[in-house]
Amino acid sequence: MLAPMFPTFVIALGLAAAPNAVTDVCLAMVPPRLALQLETQHPEFKLPTLTDAPVERLMANAAEGGWPCPFVAIADVDGDERLDRAVILKHKTDSAVRFIVARNDGAWRIEVQKDWPIAIAAAAVEPLEAGFYEQTKGGREAARQIDQLKSIESDHAGFLAGSDEGAKQAFFFVNEKWEEIWLRE
């Protein structure tokens, strides 16, 4: 049973996905064809559920009007009017996650894949608005990449992913390729 403090849209989204049963909002945000593709291509990982996030985090997110699932984000990253997905998969046995971006061009194309040694409860992804962004992360990690971007401008939405309380990278589909930039430490 969902606590009465959860936002109404979360409950409504769950009910809309399965009329006779409440569905997990994170699972409801991943289309069935994409879910099957992820399960088939990444058998050591599984789809996240809302119960993977600490209740305190969900409550704080709801109070701030945040994204309903901290592990799945939806945005049109290429301007084709089809909604694309970013999903954080959880490893079945280890404390690790796999960040996936799937572009929807009529079929699901998995184009970004990053493995991070963090627990699912600490992971986060959310959509980003189109715009101009400047790198905020510095130090050794940024210096390791010769062609590290200092800024990025995108006409379309993107995704912000990483640790809930730590470093986050922005991912934008610009000029028919994925670009990434550190935005938060």
Protein backbone atom coordinates (compact mmCIF):
# COMPACT_ATOMS: atom_id res chain seq x y z
CA MET A 1 0.00 0.00 0.00
CA LEU A 2 1.31 3.44 -0.86
CA ALA A 3 1.58 6.01 1.90
CA PRO A 4 -1.01 8.80 1.62
CA MET A 5 1.80 11.39 1.39
CA PHE A 6 2.95 10.17 -2.03
CA PRO A 7 1.93 12.53 -4.82
CA THR A 8 -1.37 11.81 -6.52
CA PHE A 9 0.32 11.62 -9.94
CA VAL A 10 2.43 8.66 -8.78
CA ILE A 11 -0.68 6.77 -7.72
CA ALA A 12 -2.54 7.76 -10.89
CA LEU A 13 0.37 6.67 -13.11
CA GLY A 14 0.46 3.29 -11.38
CA LEU A 15 -3.28 2.78 -11.76
CA ALA A 16 -3.28 3.87 -15.39
CA ALA A 17 -0.65 1.25 -16.23
CA ALA A 18 -2.66 -1.64 -14.75
CA PRO A 19 -6.34 -0.97 -14.05
CA ASN A 20 -6.74 -3.72 -11.47
CA ALA A 21 -3.45 -3.43 -9.63
CA VAL A 22 -1.07 -0.72 -8.52
CA THR A 23 2.09 -0.90 -10.64
CA ASP A 24 5.48 0.35 -9.56
CA VAL A 25 5.99 3.83 -11.04
CA CYS A 26 9.58 3.09 -12.10
CA LEU A 27 8.53 -0.04 -13.99
CA ALA A 28 5.59 1.84 -15.54
CA MET A 29 8.02 4.41 -16.99
CA VAL A 30 9.90 1.76 -19.02
CA PRO A 31 7.94 0.66 -22.12
CA PRO A 32 7.48 -3.14 -22.36
CA ARG A 33 9.61 -3.52 -25.53
CA LEU A 34 12.48 -1.61 -23.93
CA ALA A 35 12.12 -3.57 -20.67
CA LEU A 36 12.39 -6.86 -22.56
CA GLN A 37 15.41 -5.60 -24.52
CA LEU A 38 17.17 -4.48 -21.32
CA GLU A 39 16.47 -7.78 -19.56
CA THR A 40 17.73 -9.75 -22.59
CA GLN A 41 20.85 -7.69 -23.33
CA HIS A 42 21.84 -7.14 -19.68
CA PRO A 43 21.00 -10.42 -17.88
CA GLU A 44 23.21 -9.65 -14.86
CA PHE A 45 21.15 -6.50 -14.16
CA LYS A 46 17.48 -5.89 -13.46
CA LEU A 47 15.08 -2.99 -13.74
CA PRO A 48 14.83 -0.70 -10.73
CA THR A 49 11.71 -0.33 -8.63
CA LEU A 50 10.55 2.52 -6.43
CA THR A 51 11.32 0.38 -3.37
CA ASP A 52 15.04 0.58 -4.27
CA ALA A 53 15.07 4.20 -3.05
CA PRO A 54 15.06 5.06 0.66
CA VAL A 55 11.65 6.30 1.81
CA GLU A 56 13.17 9.52 3.18
CA ARG A 57 14.60 10.32 -0.25
CA LEU A 58 11.25 9.69 -1.94
CA MET A 59 9.45 11.88 0.58
CA ALA A 60 11.94 14.74 0.16
CA ASN A 61 11.73 14.42 -3.62
CA ALA A 62 7.92 14.50 -3.54
CA ALA A 63 7.93 17.55 -1.26
CA GLU A 64 10.22 19.37 -3.72
CA GLY A 65 8.05 18.39 -6.71
CA GLY A 66 10.86 16.25 -8.14
CA TRP A 67 10.87 13.55 -10.78
CA PRO A 68 8.61 10.61 -9.72
CA CYS A 69 11.21 7.82 -10.09
CA PRO A 70 14.85 8.49 -9.21
CA PHE A 71 16.03 5.70 -11.53
CA VAL A 72 14.16 6.36 -14.81
CA ALA A 73 14.00 9.63 -16.75
CA ILE A 74 12.04 10.52 -19.88
CA ALA A 75 12.91 13.24 -22.41
CA ASP A 76 13.01 13.91 -26.16
CA VAL A 77 16.78 14.17 -26.60
CA ASP A 78 16.87 14.48 -30.39
CA GLY A 79 13.81 16.57 -31.24
CA ASP A 80 11.96 13.82 -33.14
CA GLU A 81 8.93 14.09 -30.81
CA ARG A 82 9.50 10.55 -29.49
CA LEU A 83 10.26 10.11 -25.81
CA ASP A 84 13.65 8.61 -25.03
CA ARG A 85 14.66 6.95 -21.76
CA ALA A 86 17.53 6.93 -19.31
CA VAL A 87 17.44 3.99 -16.90
CA ILE A 88 19.66 2.99 -14.01
CA LEU A 89 19.73 -0.80 -13.85
CA LYS A 90 20.69 -2.52 -10.61
CA HIS A 91 23.14 -5.42 -10.52
CA LYS A 92 21.54 -8.66 -9.35
CA THR A 93 24.35 -9.60 -6.94
CA ASP A 94 26.83 -6.71 -6.58
CA SER A 95 26.54 -3.19 -5.27
CA ALA A 96 26.78 -1.63 -8.72
CA VAL A 97 24.58 0.02 -11.33
CA ARG A 98 24.54 0.34 -15.10
CA PHE A 99 23.36 3.62 -16.57
CA ILE A 100 21.65 3.18 -19.94
CA VAL A 101 20.32 5.73 -22.42
CA ALA A 102 17.94 4.38 -25.06
CA ARG A 103 16.86 6.56 -27.95
CA ASN A 104 13.46 5.84 -29.46
CA ASP A 105 13.49 6.13 -33.26
CA GLY A 106 10.68 3.62 -33.71
CA ALA A 107 12.93 0.96 -32.21
CA TRP A 108 14.91 1.27 -28.99
CA ARG A 109 18.60 2.03 -29.57
CA ILE A 110 20.82 1.67 -26.53
CA GLU A 111 23.52 4.25 -27.20
CA VAL A 112 25.04 5.06 -23.80
CA GLN A 113 26.13 2.51 -21.24
CA LYS A 114 28.13 3.34 -18.09
CA ASP A 115 28.88 1.04 -15.16
CA TRP A 116 29.28 2.69 -11.77
CA PRO A 117 30.34 1.07 -8.47
CA ILE A 118 27.51 2.60 -6.43
CA ALA A 119 24.48 1.05 -4.80
CA ILE A 120 21.12 1.52 -6.52
CA ALA A 121 19.81 3.42 -3.46
CA ALA A 122 22.49 6.09 -4.04
CA ALA A 123 21.98 6.41 -7.82
CA ALA A 124 19.89 9.05 -9.57
CA VAL A 125 18.83 10.16 -13.03
CA GLU A 126 16.60 13.03 -14.12
CA PRO A 127 15.81 14.91 -17.31
CA LEU A 128 17.62 18.17 -18.10
CA GLU A 129 16.21 21.06 -20.08
CA ALA A 130 17.83 22.19 -23.31
CA GLY A 131 20.31 24.99 -22.82
CA PHE A 132 23.89 25.99 -22.11
CA TYR A 133 25.83 24.14 -19.39
CA GLU A 134 29.37 24.63 -18.10
CA GLN A 135 31.53 21.97 -16.51
CA THR A 136 31.77 22.24 -12.73
CA LYS A 137 33.87 19.18 -11.93
CA GLY A 138 37.62 19.64 -11.98
CA GLY A 139 40.69 17.90 -10.70
CA ARG A 140 42.34 14.66 -11.76
CA GLU A 141 39.24 12.95 -13.14
CA ALA A 142 38.40 15.80 -15.54
CA ALA A 143 42.06 16.18 -16.54
CA ARG A 144 42.30 12.49 -17.51
CA GLN A 145 40.21 13.06 -20.62
CA ILE A 146 42.11 14.94 -23.32
CA ASP A 147 38.98 16.04 -25.14
CA GLN A 148 36.96 16.84 -22.00
CA LEU A 149 34.24 19.35 -22.76
CA LYS A 150 34.28 22.60 -20.81
CA SER A 151 30.74 23.51 -21.84
CA ILE A 152 27.87 22.24 -23.92
CA GLU A 153 24.88 23.81 -25.61
CA SER A 154 21.93 21.71 -26.66
CA ASP A 155 18.70 22.54 -28.45
CA HIS A 156 17.09 19.44 -26.94
CA ALA A 157 16.65 17.91 -23.50
CA GLY A 158 19.26 15.65 -21.94
CA PHE A 159 19.78 13.53 -18.84
CA LEU A 160 21.66 14.13 -15.58
CA ALA A 161 22.90 10.96 -13.87
CA GLY A 162 25.22 9.82 -11.12
CA SER A 163 25.26 9.60 -7.37
CA ASP A 164 22.32 11.20 -5.57
CA GLU A 165 24.62 13.05 -3.18
CA GLY A 166 27.74 13.20 -5.36
CA ALA A 167 29.14 13.59 -8.84
CA LYS A 168 26.72 13.80 -11.77
CA GLN A 169 27.22 13.84 -15.52
CA ALA A 170 24.98 15.45 -18.10
CA PHE A 171 24.35 13.56 -21.35
CA PHE A 172 23.14 15.39 -24.46
CA PHE A 173 22.61 14.14 -28.02
CA VAL A 174 24.27 16.89 -30.09
CA ASN A 175 25.19 16.75 -33.79
CA GLU A 176 24.14 13.08 -34.03
CA LYS A 177 26.40 11.92 -31.18
CA TRP A 178 26.34 11.76 -27.40
CA GLU A 179 28.28 14.38 -25.47
CA GLU A 180 28.79 14.33 -21.73
CA ILE A 181 29.93 16.88 -19.21
CA TRP A 182 30.39 16.90 -15.43
CA LEU A 183 27.88 19.25 -13.86
CA ARG A 184 27.88 18.42 -10.15
CA GLU A 185 30.44 17.15 -7.68
